[in-house]
PDB file of N, CA and C in Angstrom:
ATOM      1  N   MET A   1    -219.843  69.704 -55.497  1.00  0.00           N
ATOM      2  CA  MET A   1    -218.144  69.552 -55.171  1.00  0.00           C
ATOM      3  C   MET A   1    -217.438  70.220 -55.501  1.00  0.00           C
ATOM      4  N   ARG A   2    -216.120  71.205 -54.689  1.00  0.00           N
ATOM      5  CA  ARG A   2    -215.319  71.516 -54.704  1.00  0.00           C
ATOM      6  C   ARG A   2    -214.233  70.901 -54.481  1.00  0.00           C
ATOM      7  N   LEU A   3    -212.864  71.013 -55.455  1.00  0.00           N
ATOM      8  CA  LEU A   3    -212.230  70.042 -55.632  1.00  0.00           C
ATOM      9  C   LEU A   3    -211.384  69.839 -54.069  1.00  0.00           C
ATOM     10  N   SER A   4    -211.687  71.277 -53.137  1.00  0.00           N
ATOM     11  CA  SER A   4    -210.862  70.795 -51.653  1.00  0.00           C
ATOM     12  C   SER A   4    -212.172  69.566 -51.121  1.00  0.00           C
ATOM     13  N   GLU A   5    -212.991  69.896 -51.819  1.00  0.00           N
ATOM     14  CA  GLU A   5    -214.056  68.419 -51.019  1.00  0.00           C
ATOM     15  C   GLU A   5    -213.950  67.256 -51.548  1.00  0.00           C
ATOM     16  N   PHE A   6    -213.598  67.462 -52.685  1.00  0.00           N
ATOM     17  CA  PHE A   6    -213.224  66.246 -53.369  1.00  0.00           C
ATOM     18  C   PHE A   6    -211.817  65.484 -52.334  1.00  0.00           C
ATOM     19  N   TRP A   7    -210.790  66.355 -51.902  1.00  0.00           N
ATOM     20  CA  TRP A   7    -209.545  65.485 -51.131  1.00  0.00           C
ATOM     21  C   TRP A   7    -210.053  65.298 -50.437  1.00  0.00           C
ATOM     22  N   LEU A   8    -210.552  66.294 -49.793  1.00  0.00           N
ATOM     23  CA  LEU A   8    -211.473  65.624 -48.351  1.00  0.00           C
ATOM     24  C   LEU A   8    -211.903  64.347 -47.782  1.00  0.00           C
ATOM     25  N   ALA A   9    -212.937  64.402 -49.451  1.00  0.00           N
ATOM     26  CA  ALA A   9    -214.049  63.369 -49.272  1.00  0.00           C
ATOM     27  C   ALA A   9    -213.143  62.317 -49.170  1.00  0.00           C
ATOM     28  N   VAL A  10    -212.565  62.063 -50.652  1.00  0.00           N
ATOM     29  CA  VAL A  10    -211.515  60.727 -50.324  1.00  0.00           C
ATOM     30  C   VAL A  10    -210.256  60.429 -49.089  1.00  0.00           C
ATOM     31  N   ALA A  11    -209.933  61.963 -48.347  1.00  0.00           N
ATOM     32  CA  ALA A  11    -209.186  61.364 -47.423  1.00  0.00           C
ATOM     33  C   ALA A  11    -209.602  61.043 -46.135  1.00  0.00           C
ATOM     34  N   GLU A  12    -211.310  60.799 -46.171  1.00  0.00           N
ATOM     35  CA  GLU A  12    -211.946  60.992 -44.796  1.00  0.00           C
ATOM     36  C   GLU A  12    -212.250  59.531 -45.342  1.00  0.00           C
ATOM     37  N   GLU A  13    -212.318  59.009 -46.551  1.00  0.00           N
ATOM     38  CA  GLU A  13    -213.010  57.692 -47.031  1.00  0.00           C
ATOM     39  C   GLU A  13    -211.973  56.502 -46.617  1.00  0.00           C
ATOM     40  N   PHE A  14    -211.017  57.186 -47.225  1.00  0.00           N
ATOM     41  CA  PHE A  14    -210.300  55.829 -47.727  1.00  0.00           C
ATOM     42  C   PHE A  14    -208.127  56.651 -46.850  1.00  0.00           C
ATOM     43  N   GLY A  15    -208.391  57.485 -46.700  1.00  0.00           N
ATOM     44  CA  GLY A  15    -207.092  57.875 -45.782  1.00  0.00           C
ATOM     45  C   GLY A  15    -206.522  58.249 -46.839  1.00  0.00           C
ATOM     46  N   ASP A  16    -205.650  59.568 -45.969  1.00  0.00           N
ATOM     47  CA  ASP A  16    -205.020  59.806 -47.545  1.00  0.00           C
ATOM     48  C   ASP A  16    -203.663  59.160 -48.011  1.00  0.00           C
ATOM     49  N   GLY A  17    -202.626  57.999 -47.238  1.00  0.00           N
ATOM     50  CA  GLY A  17    -201.539  57.730 -48.061  1.00  0.00           C
ATOM     51  C   GLY A  17    -202.878  57.024 -49.536  1.00  0.00           C
ATOM     52  N   TYR A  18    -204.066  55.623 -48.875  1.00  0.00           N
ATOM     53  CA  TYR A  18    -204.177  55.491 -50.352  1.00  0.00           C
ATOM     54  C   TYR A  18    -205.262  55.961 -51.085  1.00  0.00           C
ATOM     55  N   GLY A  19    -206.064  56.970 -50.363  1.00  0.00           N
ATOM     56  CA  GLY A  19    -206.565  57.262 -51.249  1.00  0.00           C
ATOM     57  C   GLY A  19    -206.162  57.844 -52.199  1.00  0.00           C
ATOM     58  N   ARG A  20    -204.608  58.636 -51.816  1.00  0.00           N
ATOM     59  CA  ARG A  20    -203.779  58.912 -53.118  1.00  0.00           C
ATOM     60  C   ARG A  20    -202.994  58.303 -54.118  1.00  0.00           C
ATOM     61  N   VAL A  21    -202.765  57.317 -53.750  1.00  0.00           N
ATOM     62  CA  VAL A  21    -203.046  55.834 -54.694  1.00  0.00           C
ATOM     63  C   VAL A  21    -204.046  55.187 -55.259  1.00  0.00           C
ATOM     64  N   LEU A  22    -205.515  55.400 -54.954  1.00  0.00           N
ATOM     65  CA  LEU A  22    -206.590  54.914 -56.178  1.00  0.00           C
ATOM     66  C   LEU A  22    -206.577  55.979 -56.697  1.00  0.00           C
ATOM     67  N   THR A  23    -206.323  57.370 -56.396  1.00  0.00           N
ATOM     68  CA  THR A  23    -206.559  58.293 -57.269  1.00  0.00           C
ATOM     69  C   THR A  23    -205.440  58.031 -58.267  1.00  0.00           C
ATOM     70  N   ARG A  24    -204.173  58.348 -57.534  1.00  0.00           N
ATOM     71  CA  ARG A  24    -203.448  58.110 -58.759  1.00  0.00           C
ATOM     72  C   ARG A  24    -202.807  56.930 -59.823  1.00  0.00           C
ATOM     73  N   ASP A  25    -203.551  55.425 -59.350  1.00  0.00           N
ATOM     74  CA  ASP A  25    -203.395  54.589 -60.163  1.00  0.00           C
ATOM     75  C   ASP A  25    -204.584  53.635 -60.170  1.00  0.00           C
ATOM     76  N   LEU A  26    -205.956  53.511 -60.012  1.00  0.00           N
ATOM     77  CA  LEU A  26    -207.035  53.005 -60.843  1.00  0.00           C
ATOM     78  C   LEU A  26    -207.562  54.153 -61.474  1.00  0.00           C
ATOM     79  N   VAL A  27    -207.422  52.721 -62.505  1.00  0.00           N
ATOM     80  CA  VAL A  27    -207.776  53.308 -63.685  1.00  0.00           C
ATOM     81  C   VAL A  27    -209.846  53.277 -63.630  1.00  0.00           C
ATOM     82  N   LEU A  28    -210.406  53.693 -63.961  1.00  0.00           N
ATOM     83  CA  LEU A  28    -211.780  54.331 -64.272  1.00  0.00           C
ATOM     84  C   LEU A  28    -213.191  53.853 -65.246  1.00  0.00           C
ATOM     85  N   GLY A  29    -213.139  52.739 -65.163  1.00  0.00           N
ATOM     86  CA  GLY A  29    -214.306  53.120 -66.201  1.00  0.00           C
ATOM     87  C   GLY A  29    -215.590  54.386 -67.133  1.00  0.00           C
ATOM     88  N   ALA A  30    -215.449  54.481 -65.753  1.00  0.00           N
ATOM     89  CA  ALA A  30    -217.060  55.305 -65.880  1.00  0.00           C
ATOM     90  C   ALA A  30    -215.944  56.608 -66.574  1.00  0.00           C
ATOM     91  N   LEU A  31    -215.130  56.869 -65.850  1.00  0.00           N
ATOM     92  CA  LEU A  31    -214.456  57.945 -66.786  1.00  0.00           C
ATOM     93  C   LEU A  31    -213.855  58.311 -67.822  1.00  0.00           C
ATOM     94  N   ASP A  32    -213.505  56.946 -68.413  1.00  0.00           N
ATOM     95  CA  ASP A  32    -213.423  56.655 -70.345  1.00  0.00           C
ATOM     96  C   ASP A  32    -211.377  55.831 -70.272  1.00  0.00           C
ATOM     97  N   GLY A  33    -211.821  55.216 -68.912  1.00  0.00           N
ATOM     98  CA  GLY A  33    -210.202  54.500 -68.661  1.00  0.00           C
ATOM     99  C   GLY A  33    -209.182  54.807 -67.708  1.00  0.00           C
ATOM    100  N   LEU A  34    -209.715  56.896 -67.782  1.00  0.00           N
ATOM    101  CA  LEU A  34    -208.249  57.705 -67.268  1.00  0.00           C
ATOM    102  C   LEU A  34    -208.816  56.890 -65.183  1.00  0.00           C
ATOM    103  N   THR A  35    -207.524  57.700 -64.462  1.00  0.00           N
ATOM    104  CA  THR A  35    -207.829  57.564 -62.950  1.00  0.00           C
ATOM    105  C   THR A  35    -208.390  59.025 -62.794  1.00  0.00           C
ATOM    106  N   ALA A  36    -208.504  59.085 -61.401  1.00  0.00           N
ATOM    107  CA  ALA A  36    -209.576  59.851 -60.864  1.00  0.00           C
ATOM    108  C   ALA A  36    -208.932  60.954 -61.647  1.00  0.00           C
ATOM    109  N   ASP A  37    -207.224  61.111 -61.114  1.00  0.00           N
ATOM    110  CA  ASP A  37    -205.758  62.660 -61.597  1.00  0.00           C
ATOM    111  C   ASP A  37    -205.228  62.589 -62.498  1.00  0.00           C
ATOM    112  N   GLU A  38    -205.879  61.799 -63.586  1.00  0.00           N
ATOM    113  CA  GLU A  38    -206.392  62.652 -64.380  1.00  0.00           C
ATOM    114  C   GLU A  38    -207.635  62.878 -65.169  1.00  0.00           C
ATOM    115  N   ALA A  39    -208.625  62.172 -65.119  1.00  0.00           N
ATOM    116  CA  ALA A  39    -209.741  62.982 -65.253  1.00  0.00           C
ATOM    117  C   ALA A  39    -209.783  64.667 -64.517  1.00  0.00           C
ATOM    118  N   LEU A  40    -209.672  64.435 -63.683  1.00  0.00           N
ATOM    119  CA  LEU A  40    -209.658  66.001 -62.923  1.00  0.00           C
ATOM    120  C   LEU A  40    -208.964  66.845 -63.824  1.00  0.00           C
ATOM    121  N   ALA A  41    -207.098  66.691 -64.016  1.00  0.00           N
ATOM    122  CA  ALA A  41    -206.460  67.055 -64.692  1.00  0.00           C
ATOM    123  C   ALA A  41    -207.254  67.990 -65.821  1.00  0.00           C
ATOM    124  N   LYS A  42    -207.896  66.668 -67.002  1.00  0.00           N
ATOM    125  CA  LYS A  42    -208.922  66.956 -67.763  1.00  0.00           C
ATOM    126  C   LYS A  42    -210.199  67.837 -67.921  1.00  0.00           C
ATOM    127  N   GLY A  43    -210.315  68.219 -66.055  1.00  0.00           N
ATOM    128  CA  GLY A  43    -211.492  68.791 -66.197  1.00  0.00           C
ATOM    129  C   GLY A  43    -213.132  68.706 -65.731  1.00  0.00           C
ATOM    130  N   ARG A  44    -212.530  67.412 -65.517  1.00  0.00           N
ATOM    131  CA  ARG A  44    -213.745  66.537 -65.389  1.00  0.00           C
ATOM    132  C   ARG A  44    -214.222  67.303 -63.672  1.00  0.00           C
ATOM    133  N   PRO A  45    -215.324  67.022 -63.503  1.00  0.00           N
ATOM    134  CA  PRO A  45    -215.492  68.080 -62.308  1.00  0.00           C
ATOM    135  C   PRO A  45    -216.171  66.896 -60.846  1.00  0.00           C
ATOM    136  N   PRO A  46    -215.295  67.473 -60.063  1.00  0.00           N
ATOM    137  CA  PRO A  46    -214.615  66.918 -58.841  1.00  0.00           C
ATOM    138  C   PRO A  46    -215.604  65.780 -58.285  1.00  0.00           C
ATOM    139  N   ARG A  47    -217.388  66.382 -58.421  1.00  0.00           N
ATOM    140  CA  ARG A  47    -218.097  65.455 -57.867  1.00  0.00           C
ATOM    141  C   ARG A  47    -218.451  63.986 -59.098  1.00  0.00           C
ATOM    142  N   GLU A  48    -218.476  64.470 -60.302  1.00  0.00           N
ATOM    143  CA  GLU A  48    -218.109  63.126 -60.623  1.00  0.00           C
ATOM    144  C   GLU A  48    -217.250  61.833 -60.963  1.00  0.00           C
ATOM    145  N   VAL A  49    -216.184  62.721 -61.026  1.00  0.00           N
ATOM    146  CA  VAL A  49    -214.981  62.084 -59.864  1.00  0.00           C
ATOM    147  C   VAL A  49    -215.308  60.942 -59.192  1.00  0.00           C
ATOM    148  N   TRP A  50    -216.015  62.095 -58.139  1.00  0.00           N
ATOM    149  CA  TRP A  50    -216.110  61.013 -56.790  1.00  0.00           C
ATOM    150  C   TRP A  50    -216.497  59.975 -57.031  1.00  0.00           C
ATOM    151  N   LEU A  51    -218.065  60.405 -57.525  1.00  0.00           N
ATOM    152  CA  LEU A  51    -218.701  58.764 -57.999  1.00  0.00           C
ATOM    153  C   LEU A  51    -218.851  57.766 -58.738  1.00  0.00           C
ATOM    154  N   ALA A  52    -217.667  58.467 -59.793  1.00  0.00           N
ATOM    155  CA  ALA A  52    -216.694  57.173 -60.393  1.00  0.00           C
ATOM    156  C   ALA A  52    -215.729  56.595 -59.606  1.00  0.00           C
ATOM    157  N   LEU A  53    -215.011  57.206 -58.544  1.00  0.00           N
ATOM    158  CA  LEU A  53    -214.077  56.189 -57.710  1.00  0.00           C
ATOM    159  C   LEU A  53    -214.995  55.546 -56.586  1.00  0.00           C
ATOM    160  N   CYS A  54    -216.205  56.219 -56.290  1.00  0.00           N
ATOM    161  CA  CYS A  54    -217.557  55.722 -55.091  1.00  0.00           C
ATOM    162  C   CYS A  54    -217.633  54.267 -55.544  1.00  0.00           C
ATOM    163  N   ALA A  55    -217.731  54.104 -57.194  1.00  0.00           N
ATOM    164  CA  ALA A  55    -218.856  53.171 -57.614  1.00  0.00           C
ATOM    165  C   ALA A  55    -217.564  51.651 -57.495  1.00  0.00           C
ATOM    166  N   ALA A  56    -216.746  52.016 -58.067  1.00  0.00           N
ATOM    167  CA  ALA A  56    -215.860  51.326 -58.606  1.00  0.00           C
ATOM    168  C   ALA A  56    -214.853  50.412 -57.333  1.00  0.00           C
ATOM    169  N   MET A  57    -214.687  51.374 -56.357  1.00  0.00           N
ATOM    170  CA  MET A  57    -215.041  50.830 -54.563  1.00  0.00           C
ATOM    171  C   MET A  57    -216.333  50.033 -54.132  1.00  0.00           C
ATOM    172  N   ASP A  58    -217.082  50.366 -54.664  1.00  0.00           N
ATOM    173  CA  ASP A  58    -218.448  49.595 -54.163  1.00  0.00           C
ATOM    174  C   ASP A  58    -218.665  50.277 -52.266  1.00  0.00           C
ATOM    175  N   ILE A  59    -218.345  51.411 -52.607  1.00  0.00           N
ATOM    176  CA  ILE A  59    -218.738  52.491 -51.531  1.00  0.00           C
ATOM    177  C   ILE A  59    -220.717  52.570 -51.165  1.00  0.00           C
ATOM    178  N   PRO A  60    -220.806  52.408 -50.553  1.00  0.00           N
ATOM    179  CA  PRO A  60    -222.855  51.938 -50.054  1.00  0.00           C
ATOM    180  C   PRO A  60    -222.545  53.769 -50.388  1.00  0.00           C
ATOM    181  N   PRO A  61    -224.157  54.246 -51.000  1.00  0.00           N
ATOM    182  CA  PRO A  61    -224.710  55.266 -51.371  1.00  0.00           C
ATOM    183  C   PRO A  61    -225.245  56.096 -50.211  1.00  0.00           C
ATOM    184  N   GLU A  62    -224.714  56.253 -49.365  1.00  0.00           N
ATOM    185  CA  GLU A  62    -225.302  56.629 -48.394  1.00  0.00           C
ATOM    186  C   GLU A  62    -224.000  57.009 -47.834  1.00  0.00           C
ATOM    187  N   ARG A  63    -223.327  56.983 -48.087  1.00  0.00           N
ATOM    188  CA  ARG A  63    -221.783  57.196 -47.346  1.00  0.00           C
ATOM    189  C   ARG A  63    -221.027  57.816 -48.907  1.00  0.00           C
ATOM    190  N   ARG A  64    -221.920  58.124 -50.231  1.00  0.00           N
ATOM    191  CA  ARG A  64    -221.089  58.907 -51.467  1.00  0.00           C
ATOM    192  C   ARG A  64    -221.806  60.342 -51.637  1.00  0.00           C
ATOM    193  N   TYR A  65    -222.842  61.287 -50.934  1.00  0.00           N
ATOM    194  CA  TYR A  65    -222.923  61.995 -50.625  1.00  0.00           C
ATOM    195  C   TYR A  65    -223.133  63.056 -49.454  1.00  0.00           C
ATOM    196  N   GLY A  66    -222.749  64.101 -49.429  1.00  0.00           N
ATOM    197  CA  GLY A  66    -222.278  64.405 -47.917  1.00  0.00           C
ATOM    198  C   GLY A  66    -221.421  65.296 -47.467  1.00  0.00           C
ATOM    199  N   VAL A  67    -220.501  64.160 -48.281  1.00  0.00           N
ATOM    200  CA  VAL A  67    -218.862  64.080 -48.425  1.00  0.00           C
ATOM    201  C   VAL A  67    -217.778  65.057 -48.506  1.00  0.00           C
ATOM    202  N   GLY A  68    -217.498  65.436 -47.634  1.00  0.00           N
ATOM    203  CA  GLY A  68    -216.028  66.631 -47.854  1.00  0.00           C
ATOM    204  C   GLY A  68    -216.450  67.806 -47.721  1.00  0.00           C
ATOM    205  N   ARG A  69    -217.377  67.791 -46.779  1.00  0.00           N
ATOM    206  CA  ARG A  69    -218.019  69.127 -46.521  1.00  0.00           C
ATOM    207  C   ARG A  69    -217.575  69.149 -45.231  1.00  0.00           C
ATOM    208  N   ARG A  70    -216.783  70.279 -45.252  1.00  0.00           N
ATOM    209  CA  ARG A  70    -216.919  71.019 -43.772  1.00  0.00           C
ATOM    210  C   ARG A  70    -217.729  71.582 -42.652  1.00  0.00           C
ATOM    211  N   ASP A  71    -217.594  70.637 -41.553  1.00  0.00           N
ATOM    212  CA  ASP A  71    -218.608  71.731 -40.527  1.00  0.00           C
ATOM    213  C   ASP A  71    -218.399  72.766 -40.461  1.00  0.00           C
ATOM    214  N   PRO A  72    -219.206  73.746 -40.302  1.00  0.00           N
ATOM    215  CA  PRO A  72    -219.159  75.475 -40.432  1.00  0.00           C
ATOM    216  C   PRO A  72    -219.043  75.702 -39.118  1.00  0.00           C
ATOM    217  N   ARG A  73    -219.636  74.788 -37.760  1.00  0.00           N
ATOM    218  CA  ARG A  73    -218.887  74.955 -36.364  1.00  0.00           C
ATOM    219  C   ARG A  73    -217.858  74.662 -36.178  1.00  0.00           C
ATOM    220  N   ARG A  74    -217.046  74.362 -36.989  1.00  0.00           N
ATOM    221  CA  ARG A  74    -215.781  73.717 -36.494  1.00  0.00           C
ATOM    222  C   ARG A  74    -214.940  74.238 -37.047  1.00  0.00           C
ATOM    223  N   GLY A  75    -215.016  74.937 -38.269  1.00  0.00           N
ATOM    224  CA  GLY A  75    -214.155  76.186 -39.217  1.00  0.00           C
ATOM    225  C   GLY A  75    -213.060  75.835 -39.809  1.00  0.00           C
TER     226      GLY A  75
END
């Protein structure tokens, strides 16, 4: 997962505004007590951060994978 895909996935799952609040404020135990923003800034892989965010927010597994990818037919 690329960083741009991470942000697209966050926006699609949580909405732009709420997603940004979550990534800024929600402390994730799976990421050693970092927020998503902090983890990304420290170089943690976007996929790892995405999965930790999903787990913390109880997102069903079927919605955790494959999100954030743009439809190649839509450009």
